[in-house]
Amino acid sequence: MPMVAISQIPGVAEPLRGYLWELTFVRTPAGVYIPEGLKLRAMSSRIPGRTFERIELYYLWMTWAVHGREAGDKEIEFEFWEGVDMAVRNAFMKWLELVGNWSSGEQAYRYEVTGDIQLKLLDGKGNPVRTIVLRNAILLSVDERELRYESNEVVSFSARFWYDWFDEV
């Protein structure tokens, strides 16, 4: 029996694939240079979500629930592949140096070290179907990676960011 793709069934949309997305730094802090067109080789991420607090009101022996303030996890982690030029990690380490320089103890103001990160989810043909922009993102950490002589794996590392809010464009 021949296999039928989901997209060939009338009325059923092709599912969005988790590996088809792009990451772009729209705005970076002054002093951090990420070359335009640099493929950041990101391997994984999450799509930001939204939640609302639940407020319970007790009136006439009944409990009424209404939504309160918007909340959510405003921390996001990306896992990146690294190239032999180490350009991605070098750019992030420069960004972290602006956030806080451990040797001198200097720290920058928040508005000087934030940037905007754009996530584009793509369909199977490479066309953007959803664009999310993380606003006022600040780099929190660049994780270490163990390197071993006997390993032949691609070198990767994780970078964690905090953002104020996100827009869907």
C-alpha atoms as a PDB file:
ATOM      1  CA  MET A   1       0.000   0.000   0.000  1.00  0.00           C
ATOM      2  CA  PRO A   2       1.515   3.390  -0.969  1.00  0.00           C
ATOM      3  CA  MET A   3       2.251   5.932   1.766  1.00  0.00           C
ATOM      4  CA  VAL A   4       0.188   9.125   1.741  1.00  0.00           C
ATOM      5  CA  ALA A   5       1.631  12.377   3.108  1.00  0.00           C
ATOM      6  CA  ILE A   6      -0.506  14.321   5.567  1.00  0.00           C
ATOM      7  CA  SER A   7      -0.525  17.293   3.183  1.00  0.00           C
ATOM      8  CA  GLN A   8      -2.217  15.128   0.498  1.00  0.00           C
ATOM      9  CA  ILE A   9      -5.298  14.498   2.657  1.00  0.00           C
ATOM     10  CA  PRO A  10      -7.953  17.129   1.910  1.00  0.00           C
ATOM     11  CA  GLY A  11      -8.706  19.412   4.864  1.00  0.00           C
ATOM     12  CA  VAL A  12      -5.684  18.323   6.924  1.00  0.00           C
ATOM     13  CA  ALA A  13      -2.804  20.796   7.210  1.00  0.00           C
ATOM     14  CA  GLU A  14       0.828  19.734   7.213  1.00  0.00           C
ATOM     15  CA  PRO A  15       2.163  19.817  10.806  1.00  0.00           C
ATOM     16  CA  LEU A  16       4.761  22.405  11.727  1.00  0.00           C
ATOM     17  CA  ARG A  17       8.154  20.766  12.088  1.00  0.00           C
ATOM     18  CA  GLY A  18      10.253  21.507  15.177  1.00  0.00           C
ATOM     19  CA  TYR A  19      13.512  21.733  13.264  1.00  0.00           C
ATOM     20  CA  LEU A  20      12.401  24.404  10.794  1.00  0.00           C
ATOM     21  CA  TRP A  21      13.091  27.771  12.402  1.00  0.00           C
ATOM     22  CA  GLU A  22      15.564  30.635  12.187  1.00  0.00           C
ATOM     23  CA  LEU A  23      17.094  32.787  14.900  1.00  0.00           C
ATOM     24  CA  THR A  24      18.182  36.363  14.219  1.00  0.00           C
ATOM     25  CA  PHE A  25      19.472  39.072  16.530  1.00  0.00           C
ATOM     26  CA  VAL A  26      17.543  42.144  15.420  1.00  0.00           C
ATOM     27  CA  ARG A  27      19.169  44.498  17.916  1.00  0.00           C
ATOM     28  CA  THR A  28      22.301  43.874  19.964  1.00  0.00           C
ATOM     29  CA  PRO A  29      23.976  46.088  22.559  1.00  0.00           C
ATOM     30  CA  ALA A  30      26.574  48.597  21.364  1.00  0.00           C
ATOM     31  CA  GLY A  31      29.924  46.837  21.392  1.00  0.00           C
ATOM     32  CA  VAL A  32      28.550  43.403  20.475  1.00  0.00           C
ATOM     33  CA  TYR A  33      29.138  42.599  16.833  1.00  0.00           C
ATOM     34  CA  ILE A  34      27.195  39.753  15.273  1.00  0.00           C
ATOM     35  CA  PRO A  35      27.969  39.882  11.537  1.00  0.00           C
ATOM     36  CA  GLU A  36      24.930  40.207   9.315  1.00  0.00           C
ATOM     37  CA  GLY A  37      24.191  36.920   7.619  1.00  0.00           C
ATOM     38  CA  LEU A  38      26.026  34.899  10.291  1.00  0.00           C
ATOM     39  CA  LYS A  39      24.330  31.519  10.535  1.00  0.00           C
ATOM     40  CA  LEU A  40      23.949  31.055  14.265  1.00  0.00           C
ATOM     41  CA  ARG A  41      23.578  27.283  13.934  1.00  0.00           C
ATOM     42  CA  ALA A  42      20.965  27.102  16.676  1.00  0.00           C
ATOM     43  CA  MET A  43      19.813  23.561  17.398  1.00  0.00           C
ATOM     44  CA  SER A  44      16.987  23.976  19.898  1.00  0.00           C
ATOM     45  CA  SER A  45      14.734  26.493  21.592  1.00  0.00           C
ATOM     46  CA  ARG A  46      11.191  26.914  22.923  1.00  0.00           C
ATOM     47  CA  ILE A  47       8.250  28.977  21.739  1.00  0.00           C
ATOM     48  CA  PRO A  48       7.285  31.434  24.503  1.00  0.00           C
ATOM     49  CA  GLY A  49       3.909  30.893  26.147  1.00  0.00           C
ATOM     50  CA  ARG A  50       1.520  33.061  28.157  1.00  0.00           C
ATOM     51  CA  THR A  51      -0.370  32.439  31.366  1.00  0.00           C
ATOM     52  CA  PHE A  52      -2.616  34.499  33.601  1.00  0.00           C
ATOM     53  CA  GLU A  53      -2.883  34.389  37.356  1.00  0.00           C
ATOM     54  CA  ARG A  54      -6.145  33.065  38.733  1.00  0.00           C
ATOM     55  CA  ILE A  55      -7.967  35.265  41.231  1.00  0.00           C
ATOM     56  CA  GLU A  56     -10.717  33.669  43.285  1.00  0.00           C
ATOM     57  CA  LEU A  57     -13.507  35.833  44.657  1.00  0.00           C
ATOM     58  CA  TYR A  58     -15.882  34.527  47.315  1.00  0.00           C
ATOM     59  CA  TYR A  59     -19.348  36.037  47.096  1.00  0.00           C
ATOM     60  CA  LEU A  60     -22.700  34.689  48.271  1.00  0.00           C
ATOM     61  CA  TRP A  61     -21.220  31.327  49.265  1.00  0.00           C
ATOM     62  CA  MET A  62     -19.824  30.798  45.778  1.00  0.00           C
ATOM     63  CA  THR A  63     -16.364  30.977  44.339  1.00  0.00           C
ATOM     64  CA  TRP A  64     -15.913  33.091  41.229  1.00  0.00           C
ATOM     65  CA  ALA A  65     -12.665  32.931  39.278  1.00  0.00           C
ATOM     66  CA  VAL A  66     -11.321  35.754  37.128  1.00  0.00           C
ATOM     67  CA  HIS A  67      -7.987  36.204  35.428  1.00  0.00           C
ATOM     68  CA  GLY A  68      -5.371  38.464  36.944  1.00  0.00           C
ATOM     69  CA  ARG A  69      -1.988  39.685  35.789  1.00  0.00           C
ATOM     70  CA  GLU A  70      -0.222  38.087  32.889  1.00  0.00           C
ATOM     71  CA  ALA A  71       2.636  35.881  33.959  1.00  0.00           C
ATOM     72  CA  GLY A  72       4.971  33.465  32.281  1.00  0.00           C
ATOM     73  CA  ASP A  73       8.446  32.099  32.163  1.00  0.00           C
ATOM     74  CA  LYS A  74      10.460  34.906  30.612  1.00  0.00           C
ATOM     75  CA  GLU A  75      13.684  32.935  30.441  1.00  0.00           C
ATOM     76  CA  ILE A  76      14.612  31.103  27.258  1.00  0.00           C
ATOM     77  CA  GLU A  77      17.540  28.890  26.362  1.00  0.00           C
ATOM     78  CA  PHE A  78      19.042  28.287  22.938  1.00  0.00           C
ATOM     79  CA  GLU A  79      21.486  25.556  22.032  1.00  0.00           C
ATOM     80  CA  PHE A  80      23.968  26.526  19.346  1.00  0.00           C
ATOM     81  CA  TRP A  81      26.341  24.633  17.091  1.00  0.00           C
ATOM     82  CA  GLU A  82      29.752  26.222  16.973  1.00  0.00           C
ATOM     83  CA  GLY A  83      31.872  26.646  13.873  1.00  0.00           C
ATOM     84  CA  VAL A  84      35.648  26.457  13.693  1.00  0.00           C
ATOM     85  CA  ASP A  85      35.783  30.271  13.783  1.00  0.00           C
ATOM     86  CA  MET A  86      34.137  30.363  17.267  1.00  0.00           C
ATOM     87  CA  ALA A  87      32.287  33.506  16.087  1.00  0.00           C
ATOM     88  CA  VAL A  88      29.031  32.728  17.895  1.00  0.00           C
ATOM     89  CA  ARG A  89      30.586  32.025  21.290  1.00  0.00           C
ATOM     90  CA  ASN A  90      32.975  35.004  20.940  1.00  0.00           C
ATOM     91  CA  ALA A  91      30.036  37.362  20.293  1.00  0.00           C
ATOM     92  CA  PHE A  92      28.175  36.039  23.328  1.00  0.00           C
ATOM     93  CA  MET A  93      31.229  36.264  25.569  1.00  0.00           C
ATOM     94  CA  LYS A  94      31.643  39.911  24.498  1.00  0.00           C
ATOM     95  CA  TRP A  95      27.981  40.493  25.371  1.00  0.00           C
ATOM     96  CA  LEU A  96      28.499  38.916  28.813  1.00  0.00           C
ATOM     97  CA  GLU A  97      31.553  41.111  29.371  1.00  0.00           C
ATOM     98  CA  LEU A  98      29.313  44.159  28.853  1.00  0.00           C
ATOM     99  CA  VAL A  99      26.750  42.809  31.335  1.00  0.00           C
ATOM    100  CA  GLY A 100      29.367  42.377  34.042  1.00  0.00           C
ATOM    101  CA  ASN A 101      33.154  42.400  33.942  1.00  0.00           C
ATOM    102  CA  TRP A 102      34.413  40.067  36.664  1.00  0.00           C
ATOM    103  CA  SER A 103      37.968  41.362  36.643  1.00  0.00           C
ATOM    104  CA  SER A 104      37.020  45.016  37.240  1.00  0.00           C
ATOM    105  CA  GLY A 105      33.642  44.535  38.924  1.00  0.00           C
ATOM    106  CA  GLU A 106      31.973  46.952  36.486  1.00  0.00           C
ATOM    107  CA  GLN A 107      28.366  46.391  35.493  1.00  0.00           C
ATOM    108  CA  ALA A 108      26.437  48.160  32.768  1.00  0.00           C
ATOM    109  CA  TYR A 109      22.965  49.641  32.969  1.00  0.00           C
ATOM    110  CA  ARG A 110      20.209  47.330  31.784  1.00  0.00           C
ATOM    111  CA  TYR A 111      19.278  49.477  28.769  1.00  0.00           C
ATOM    112  CA  GLU A 112      22.906  49.264  27.568  1.00  0.00           C
ATOM    113  CA  VAL A 113      23.015  45.458  27.474  1.00  0.00           C
ATOM    114  CA  THR A 114      19.618  44.412  26.097  1.00  0.00           C
ATOM    115  CA  GLY A 115      18.722  43.411  22.562  1.00  0.00           C
ATOM    116  CA  ASP A 116      15.889  41.914  20.508  1.00  0.00           C
ATOM    117  CA  ILE A 117      15.832  38.307  19.307  1.00  0.00           C
ATOM    118  CA  GLN A 118      13.646  37.175  16.415  1.00  0.00           C
ATOM    119  CA  LEU A 119      12.433  33.587  16.017  1.00  0.00           C
ATOM    120  CA  LYS A 120      10.911  32.600  12.675  1.00  0.00           C
ATOM    121  CA  LEU A 121       9.055  29.314  12.367  1.00  0.00           C
ATOM    122  CA  LEU A 122       9.196  28.029   8.801  1.00  0.00           C
ATOM    123  CA  ASP A 123       7.001  25.732   6.747  1.00  0.00           C
ATOM    124  CA  GLY A 124       8.419  22.835   4.741  1.00  0.00           C
ATOM    125  CA  LYS A 125       9.369  25.178   1.880  1.00  0.00           C
ATOM    126  CA  GLY A 126      11.267  27.665   4.070  1.00  0.00           C
ATOM    127  CA  ASN A 127       8.534  30.333   4.166  1.00  0.00           C
ATOM    128  CA  PRO A 128       7.933  32.020   7.541  1.00  0.00           C
ATOM    129  CA  VAL A 129       4.589  31.051   9.096  1.00  0.00           C
ATOM    130  CA  ARG A 130       5.081  32.677  12.503  1.00  0.00           C
ATOM    131  CA  THR A 131       7.498  35.343  13.723  1.00  0.00           C
ATOM    132  CA  ILE A 132       8.136  35.989  17.406  1.00  0.00           C
ATOM    133  CA  VAL A 133      10.332  38.849  18.649  1.00  0.00           C
ATOM    134  CA  LEU A 134      11.690  38.672  22.204  1.00  0.00           C
ATOM    135  CA  ARG A 135      11.989  42.282  23.382  1.00  0.00           C
ATOM    136  CA  ASN A 136      14.735  43.648  25.657  1.00  0.00           C
ATOM    137  CA  ALA A 137      16.511  40.309  25.919  1.00  0.00           C
ATOM    138  CA  ILE A 138      19.556  40.183  28.163  1.00  0.00           C
ATOM    139  CA  LEU A 139      22.132  37.413  28.064  1.00  0.00           C
ATOM    140  CA  LEU A 140      22.251  35.579  31.406  1.00  0.00           C
ATOM    141  CA  SER A 141      24.797  32.845  30.790  1.00  0.00           C
ATOM    142  CA  VAL A 142      26.831  30.894  28.279  1.00  0.00           C
ATOM    143  CA  ASP A 143      27.188  27.342  29.507  1.00  0.00           C
ATOM    144  CA  GLU A 144      30.396  25.367  29.374  1.00  0.00           C
ATOM    145  CA  ARG A 145      30.841  22.353  27.109  1.00  0.00           C
ATOM    146  CA  GLU A 146      33.022  19.353  27.767  1.00  0.00           C
ATOM    147  CA  LEU A 147      35.412  18.523  24.950  1.00  0.00           C
ATOM    148  CA  ARG A 148      36.967  15.078  24.664  1.00  0.00           C
ATOM    149  CA  TYR A 149      39.658  13.780  22.361  1.00  0.00           C
ATOM    150  CA  GLU A 150      37.879  10.476  21.708  1.00  0.00           C
ATOM    151  CA  SER A 151      34.585  12.192  20.827  1.00  0.00           C
ATOM    152  CA  ASN A 152      33.665  13.158  17.288  1.00  0.00           C
ATOM    153  CA  GLU A 153      30.549  15.171  18.157  1.00  0.00           C
ATOM    154  CA  VAL A 154      29.684  18.627  16.896  1.00  0.00           C
ATOM    155  CA  VAL A 155      30.650  21.235  19.490  1.00  0.00           C
ATOM    156  CA  SER A 156      27.581  22.920  20.931  1.00  0.00           C
ATOM    157  CA  PHE A 157      26.826  25.235  23.836  1.00  0.00           C
ATOM    158  CA  SER A 158      23.765  26.750  25.460  1.00  0.00           C
ATOM    159  CA  ALA A 159      23.014  30.418  26.020  1.00  0.00           C
ATOM    160  CA  ARG A 160      20.261  31.589  28.388  1.00  0.00           C
ATOM    161  CA  PHE A 161      18.399  34.864  27.900  1.00  0.00           C
ATOM    162  CA  TRP A 162      15.815  36.793  29.913  1.00  0.00           C
ATOM    163  CA  TYR A 163      13.336  39.000  28.055  1.00  0.00           C
ATOM    164  CA  ASP A 164      10.720  41.548  29.132  1.00  0.00           C
ATOM    165  CA  TRP A 165       7.944  40.623  26.693  1.00  0.00           C
ATOM    166  CA  PHE A 166       7.422  39.153  23.243  1.00  0.00           C
ATOM    167  CA  ASP A 167       5.519  40.241  20.159  1.00  0.00           C
ATOM    168  CA  GLU A 168       4.102  38.028  17.459  1.00  0.00           C
ATOM    169  CA  VAL A 169       4.560  39.840  14.187  1.00  0.00           C
END
